[in-house]
């Protein structure tokens, strides 16, 4: 997880905050194409939008406090997810927990952790 923060402006009350990016890594088992198709179907039922392939792409997923946007890349048996935009109320640990919960219910064969 990386973070940079807090540029306080020009004397006119401007405030720019750059929030932390979240990085999630998981070991995968099984056929990546099948796992991707299974996870994509489950995510779309939750109103998430995917663009890409079983190897890499991007997504936007709704949350109670706003959309979470990111990219993913599969390298060998590892899934790397980078959260590129999230509501400030959504912590990286909460996103990681939700992602783990999603994998357990939507795609039980996806996650070795």
N, C-alpha and C. Protein backbone atom coordinates (compact mmCIF):
# COMPACT_ATOMS: atom_id res chain seq x y z
N UNK A 1 0.86 -1.15 0.00
CA UNK A 1 0.00 0.00 0.00
C UNK A 1 0.91 1.22 0.00
N UNK A 2 0.59 2.17 -0.82
CA UNK A 2 1.36 3.40 -0.85
C UNK A 2 0.43 4.57 -0.60
N UNK A 3 0.98 5.63 -0.10
CA UNK A 3 0.11 6.77 0.17
C UNK A 3 0.90 8.06 -0.02
N UNK A 4 0.22 9.04 -0.48
CA UNK A 4 0.75 10.39 -0.45
C UNK A 4 -0.41 11.27 -0.08
N UNK A 5 -0.11 12.33 0.62
CA UNK A 5 -1.23 13.09 1.17
C UNK A 5 -0.92 14.55 1.24
N UNK A 6 -1.92 15.22 1.15
CA UNK A 6 -2.11 16.53 1.73
C UNK A 6 -1.32 17.67 1.12
N UNK A 7 -1.89 18.26 0.13
CA UNK A 7 -1.39 19.51 -0.41
C UNK A 7 -2.43 20.56 -0.06
N UNK A 8 -2.08 21.48 0.77
CA UNK A 8 -3.02 22.53 1.19
C UNK A 8 -2.66 23.80 0.45
N UNK A 9 -3.50 24.23 -0.33
CA UNK A 9 -3.55 25.16 -1.38
C UNK A 9 -2.97 26.52 -1.33
N UNK A 10 -3.73 27.39 -1.84
CA UNK A 10 -3.30 28.69 -2.31
C UNK A 10 -3.81 29.82 -1.43
N UNK A 11 -4.16 29.53 -0.21
CA UNK A 11 -4.69 30.56 0.65
C UNK A 11 -6.17 30.83 0.46
N UNK A 12 -6.76 30.20 -0.53
CA UNK A 12 -8.19 30.38 -0.79
C UNK A 12 -9.00 29.18 -0.31
N UNK A 13 -8.38 28.37 0.49
CA UNK A 13 -9.09 27.24 1.06
C UNK A 13 -9.07 26.00 0.20
N UNK A 14 -8.22 25.94 -0.83
CA UNK A 14 -8.20 24.72 -1.63
C UNK A 14 -7.49 23.61 -0.87
N UNK A 15 -7.94 22.42 -1.12
CA UNK A 15 -7.40 21.25 -0.43
C UNK A 15 -7.38 20.11 -1.42
N UNK A 16 -6.23 19.51 -1.60
CA UNK A 16 -6.11 18.37 -2.49
C UNK A 16 -5.59 17.21 -1.67
N UNK A 17 -6.32 16.12 -1.67
CA UNK A 17 -5.88 14.91 -0.98
C UNK A 17 -5.69 13.81 -2.00
N UNK A 18 -4.57 13.16 -1.95
CA UNK A 18 -4.36 12.01 -2.81
C UNK A 18 -4.40 10.78 -1.92
N UNK A 19 -5.39 9.95 -2.14
CA UNK A 19 -5.61 8.80 -1.27
C UNK A 19 -4.68 7.65 -1.63
N UNK A 20 -4.54 6.73 -0.69
CA UNK A 20 -3.69 5.57 -0.86
C UNK A 20 -4.25 4.62 -1.91
N UNK A 21 -3.36 3.99 -2.64
CA UNK A 21 -3.74 2.90 -3.53
C UNK A 21 -3.72 1.62 -2.71
N UNK A 22 -4.57 0.68 -3.07
CA UNK A 22 -4.60 -0.61 -2.40
C UNK A 22 -4.07 -1.67 -3.34
N UNK A 23 -3.26 -2.55 -2.84
CA UNK A 23 -2.74 -3.67 -3.61
C UNK A 23 -3.22 -4.95 -2.95
N UNK A 24 -3.81 -5.84 -3.74
CA UNK A 24 -4.30 -7.12 -3.25
C UNK A 24 -3.66 -8.21 -4.09
N UNK A 25 -3.10 -9.22 -3.43
CA UNK A 25 -2.48 -10.35 -4.14
C UNK A 25 -3.09 -11.64 -3.62
N UNK A 26 -3.40 -12.54 -4.55
CA UNK A 26 -3.96 -13.84 -4.20
C UNK A 26 -3.36 -14.91 -5.09
N UNK A 27 -3.12 -16.07 -4.52
CA UNK A 27 -2.75 -17.26 -5.29
C UNK A 27 -4.03 -17.86 -5.84
N UNK A 28 -3.98 -18.29 -7.09
CA UNK A 28 -5.14 -18.90 -7.74
C UNK A 28 -4.87 -20.36 -8.02
N UNK A 29 -5.93 -21.13 -8.06
CA UNK A 29 -5.82 -22.53 -8.47
C UNK A 29 -6.86 -22.79 -9.54
N UNK A 30 -6.58 -23.72 -10.43
CA UNK A 30 -7.54 -24.04 -11.48
C UNK A 30 -7.23 -23.32 -12.78
N UNK A 31 -8.11 -23.50 -13.74
CA UNK A 31 -7.97 -22.91 -15.06
C UNK A 31 -8.31 -21.43 -15.00
N UNK A 32 -7.36 -20.55 -15.35
CA UNK A 32 -7.62 -19.10 -15.26
C UNK A 32 -8.83 -18.63 -16.07
N UNK A 33 -9.04 -19.20 -17.25
CA UNK A 33 -10.18 -18.80 -18.08
C UNK A 33 -11.50 -19.13 -17.39
N UNK A 34 -11.60 -20.32 -16.82
CA UNK A 34 -12.82 -20.73 -16.12
C UNK A 34 -13.04 -19.90 -14.85
N UNK A 35 -11.96 -19.66 -14.12
CA UNK A 35 -12.07 -18.86 -12.90
C UNK A 35 -12.52 -17.44 -13.22
N UNK A 36 -11.94 -16.87 -14.28
CA UNK A 36 -12.32 -15.52 -14.69
C UNK A 36 -13.79 -15.46 -15.07
N UNK A 37 -14.25 -16.43 -15.87
CA UNK A 37 -15.65 -16.44 -16.30
C UNK A 37 -16.58 -16.56 -15.09
N UNK A 38 -16.22 -17.42 -14.15
CA UNK A 38 -17.04 -17.60 -12.94
C UNK A 38 -17.06 -16.33 -12.08
N UNK A 39 -15.90 -15.74 -11.87
CA UNK A 39 -15.83 -14.51 -11.06
C UNK A 39 -16.52 -13.35 -11.77
N UNK A 40 -16.37 -13.25 -13.08
CA UNK A 40 -17.00 -12.15 -13.83
C UNK A 40 -18.53 -12.24 -13.74
N UNK A 41 -19.07 -13.45 -13.92
CA UNK A 41 -20.53 -13.62 -13.82
C UNK A 41 -21.03 -13.20 -12.43
N UNK A 42 -20.33 -13.64 -11.41
CA UNK A 42 -20.74 -13.30 -10.03
C UNK A 42 -20.62 -11.80 -9.79
N UNK A 43 -19.56 -11.19 -10.26
CA UNK A 43 -19.37 -9.75 -10.06
C UNK A 43 -20.43 -8.95 -10.81
N UNK A 44 -20.78 -9.37 -12.00
CA UNK A 44 -21.80 -8.66 -12.77
C UNK A 44 -23.17 -8.76 -12.10
N UNK A 45 -23.43 -9.87 -11.40
CA UNK A 45 -24.67 -9.97 -10.63
C UNK A 45 -24.70 -8.92 -9.52
N UNK A 46 -23.52 -8.50 -9.07
CA UNK A 46 -23.40 -7.46 -8.04
C UNK A 46 -23.27 -6.07 -8.66
N UNK A 47 -23.50 -5.97 -9.96
CA UNK A 47 -23.48 -4.70 -10.72
C UNK A 47 -22.07 -4.16 -10.97
N UNK A 48 -21.06 -5.03 -10.90
CA UNK A 48 -19.70 -4.62 -11.26
C UNK A 48 -19.55 -4.67 -12.78
N UNK A 49 -18.62 -3.90 -13.30
CA UNK A 49 -18.34 -3.85 -14.73
C UNK A 49 -16.89 -4.26 -14.94
N UNK A 50 -16.67 -5.25 -15.82
CA UNK A 50 -15.33 -5.72 -16.15
C UNK A 50 -15.01 -5.39 -17.59
N UNK A 51 -13.75 -5.06 -17.84
CA UNK A 51 -13.23 -4.93 -19.20
C UNK A 51 -11.90 -5.65 -19.20
N UNK A 52 -11.71 -6.56 -20.14
CA UNK A 52 -10.44 -7.26 -20.21
C UNK A 52 -10.61 -8.74 -20.43
N UNK A 53 -9.55 -9.45 -20.12
CA UNK A 53 -9.48 -10.89 -20.34
C UNK A 53 -9.17 -11.59 -19.01
N UNK A 54 -8.96 -12.89 -19.09
CA UNK A 54 -8.58 -13.65 -17.90
C UNK A 54 -7.17 -13.28 -17.44
N UNK A 55 -6.39 -12.65 -18.29
CA UNK A 55 -5.01 -12.27 -17.94
C UNK A 55 -4.89 -10.88 -17.33
N UNK A 56 -5.68 -9.92 -17.83
CA UNK A 56 -5.57 -8.55 -17.31
C UNK A 56 -6.77 -7.73 -17.74
N UNK A 57 -7.00 -6.66 -17.00
CA UNK A 57 -8.10 -5.78 -17.35
C UNK A 57 -8.39 -4.79 -16.25
N UNK A 58 -9.59 -4.23 -16.30
CA UNK A 58 -10.00 -3.24 -15.32
C UNK A 58 -11.43 -3.52 -14.88
N UNK A 59 -11.82 -2.90 -13.79
CA UNK A 59 -13.16 -3.12 -13.25
C UNK A 59 -13.61 -1.90 -12.47
N UNK A 60 -14.91 -1.78 -12.34
CA UNK A 60 -15.54 -0.83 -11.43
C UNK A 60 -16.62 -1.60 -10.69
N UNK A 61 -16.58 -1.51 -9.36
CA UNK A 61 -17.54 -2.24 -8.54
C UNK A 61 -18.21 -1.27 -7.56
N UNK A 62 -19.52 -1.40 -7.41
CA UNK A 62 -20.21 -0.52 -6.46
C UNK A 62 -19.95 -0.95 -5.02
N UNK A 63 -20.00 0.02 -4.13
CA UNK A 63 -19.95 -0.26 -2.69
C UNK A 63 -20.98 0.66 -2.04
N UNK A 64 -21.31 0.43 -0.79
CA UNK A 64 -22.29 1.29 -0.12
C UNK A 64 -21.87 2.76 -0.04
N UNK A 65 -20.56 3.03 -0.16
CA UNK A 65 -20.09 4.42 -0.04
C UNK A 65 -19.55 4.99 -1.35
N UNK A 66 -19.73 4.25 -2.45
CA UNK A 66 -19.27 4.74 -3.75
C UNK A 66 -18.53 3.66 -4.51
N UNK A 67 -18.19 3.96 -5.76
CA UNK A 67 -17.54 2.97 -6.62
C UNK A 67 -16.08 2.75 -6.25
N UNK A 68 -15.65 1.50 -6.44
CA UNK A 68 -14.25 1.11 -6.30
C UNK A 68 -13.78 0.71 -7.69
N UNK A 69 -12.69 1.30 -8.16
CA UNK A 69 -12.18 1.06 -9.49
C UNK A 69 -10.76 0.54 -9.39
N UNK A 70 -10.42 -0.36 -10.30
CA UNK A 70 -9.06 -0.90 -10.27
C UNK A 70 -8.70 -1.67 -11.51
N UNK A 71 -7.52 -2.23 -11.46
CA UNK A 71 -7.01 -3.08 -12.52
C UNK A 71 -6.60 -4.41 -11.92
N UNK A 72 -6.50 -5.42 -12.78
CA UNK A 72 -6.04 -6.73 -12.32
C UNK A 72 -5.12 -7.32 -13.37
N UNK A 73 -4.23 -8.19 -12.90
CA UNK A 73 -3.31 -8.88 -13.79
C UNK A 73 -3.00 -10.24 -13.18
N UNK A 74 -3.07 -11.27 -14.00
CA UNK A 74 -2.72 -12.62 -13.56
C UNK A 74 -1.34 -12.93 -14.12
N UNK A 75 -0.44 -13.31 -13.21
CA UNK A 75 0.91 -13.71 -13.59
C UNK A 75 1.16 -15.08 -12.98
N UNK A 76 1.18 -16.10 -13.83
CA UNK A 76 1.30 -17.47 -13.34
C UNK A 76 0.06 -17.83 -12.55
N UNK A 77 0.27 -18.20 -11.28
CA UNK A 77 -0.88 -18.54 -10.42
C UNK A 77 -1.20 -17.43 -9.43
N UNK A 78 -0.73 -16.21 -9.71
CA UNK A 78 -0.98 -15.10 -8.80
C UNK A 78 -1.84 -14.03 -9.46
N UNK A 79 -2.87 -13.60 -8.73
CA UNK A 79 -3.73 -12.50 -9.14
C UNK A 79 -3.29 -11.25 -8.41
N UNK A 80 -2.98 -10.20 -9.16
CA UNK A 80 -2.59 -8.92 -8.59
C UNK A 80 -3.66 -7.89 -8.92
N UNK A 81 -4.25 -7.31 -7.88
CA UNK A 81 -5.30 -6.31 -8.04
C UNK A 81 -4.79 -4.99 -7.49
N UNK A 82 -4.92 -3.94 -8.28
CA UNK A 82 -4.56 -2.58 -7.85
C UNK A 82 -5.82 -1.74 -7.83
N UNK A 83 -6.16 -1.22 -6.67
CA UNK A 83 -7.30 -0.31 -6.56
C UNK A 83 -6.79 1.08 -6.91
N UNK A 84 -7.35 1.66 -7.96
CA UNK A 84 -6.88 2.94 -8.45
C UNK A 84 -7.75 4.11 -8.01
N UNK A 85 -8.99 3.81 -7.60
CA UNK A 85 -9.89 4.86 -7.12
C UNK A 85 -10.88 4.22 -6.16
N UNK A 86 -11.08 4.89 -5.03
CA UNK A 86 -11.99 4.37 -4.02
C UNK A 86 -12.55 5.53 -3.21
N UNK A 87 -13.71 5.33 -2.60
CA UNK A 87 -14.22 6.37 -1.71
C UNK A 87 -13.28 6.51 -0.51
N UNK A 88 -13.12 7.68 -0.01
CA UNK A 88 -12.20 7.87 1.12
C UNK A 88 -12.67 7.14 2.36
N UNK A 89 -13.96 6.84 2.44
CA UNK A 89 -14.48 6.08 3.59
C UNK A 89 -14.15 4.59 3.52
N UNK A 90 -13.76 4.11 2.35
CA UNK A 90 -13.45 2.68 2.18
C UNK A 90 -11.96 2.46 2.40
N UNK A 91 -11.63 1.81 3.50
CA UNK A 91 -10.21 1.54 3.78
C UNK A 91 -9.73 0.39 2.90
N UNK A 92 -8.42 0.32 2.73
CA UNK A 92 -7.85 -0.78 1.96
C UNK A 92 -8.14 -2.12 2.62
N UNK A 93 -8.10 -2.16 3.94
CA UNK A 93 -8.38 -3.43 4.63
C UNK A 93 -9.84 -3.84 4.44
N UNK A 94 -10.76 -2.88 4.42
CA UNK A 94 -12.17 -3.21 4.18
C UNK A 94 -12.37 -3.73 2.76
N UNK A 95 -11.68 -3.13 1.79
CA UNK A 95 -11.77 -3.59 0.40
C UNK A 95 -11.18 -5.00 0.29
N UNK A 96 -10.05 -5.23 0.94
CA UNK A 96 -9.43 -6.56 0.93
C UNK A 96 -10.37 -7.59 1.55
N UNK A 97 -10.99 -7.25 2.67
CA UNK A 97 -11.93 -8.17 3.33
C UNK A 97 -13.12 -8.48 2.42
N UNK A 98 -13.65 -7.47 1.76
CA UNK A 98 -14.79 -7.66 0.85
C UNK A 98 -14.39 -8.52 -0.35
N UNK A 99 -13.19 -8.30 -0.85
CA UNK A 99 -12.68 -9.09 -1.97
C UNK A 99 -12.54 -10.56 -1.56
N UNK A 100 -12.01 -10.80 -0.38
CA UNK A 100 -11.88 -12.17 0.13
C UNK A 100 -13.24 -12.82 0.28
N UNK A 101 -14.20 -12.09 0.84
CA UNK A 101 -15.57 -12.60 0.99
C UNK A 101 -16.17 -12.92 -0.39
N UNK A 102 -15.97 -12.02 -1.35
CA UNK A 102 -16.47 -12.24 -2.70
C UNK A 102 -15.90 -13.53 -3.28
N UNK A 103 -14.58 -13.73 -3.17
CA UNK A 103 -13.97 -14.92 -3.74
C UNK A 103 -14.49 -16.19 -3.07
N UNK A 104 -14.70 -16.13 -1.76
CA UNK A 104 -15.18 -17.32 -1.05
C UNK A 104 -16.58 -17.72 -1.50
N UNK A 105 -17.44 -16.75 -1.73
CA UNK A 105 -18.84 -17.06 -2.09
C UNK A 105 -19.03 -17.21 -3.60
N UNK A 106 -18.41 -16.34 -4.38
CA UNK A 106 -18.65 -16.33 -5.82
C UNK A 106 -17.77 -17.31 -6.57
N UNK A 107 -16.61 -17.54 -6.05
CA UNK A 107 -15.62 -18.34 -6.79
C UNK A 107 -14.76 -19.10 -5.77
N UNK A 108 -15.33 -20.07 -5.08
CA UNK A 108 -14.60 -20.76 -4.02
C UNK A 108 -13.30 -21.40 -4.49
N UNK A 109 -13.25 -21.81 -5.76
CA UNK A 109 -12.02 -22.45 -6.25
C UNK A 109 -10.95 -21.44 -6.66
N UNK A 110 -11.25 -20.14 -6.59
CA UNK A 110 -10.31 -19.11 -7.04
C UNK A 110 -9.20 -18.82 -6.04
N UNK A 111 -9.46 -18.97 -4.78
CA UNK A 111 -8.61 -18.38 -3.75
C UNK A 111 -7.85 -19.41 -2.94
N UNK A 112 -6.52 -19.37 -3.01
CA UNK A 112 -5.68 -20.17 -2.14
C UNK A 112 -5.26 -19.38 -0.91
N UNK A 113 -5.16 -18.08 -1.07
CA UNK A 113 -4.63 -17.09 -0.14
C UNK A 113 -3.38 -17.60 0.46
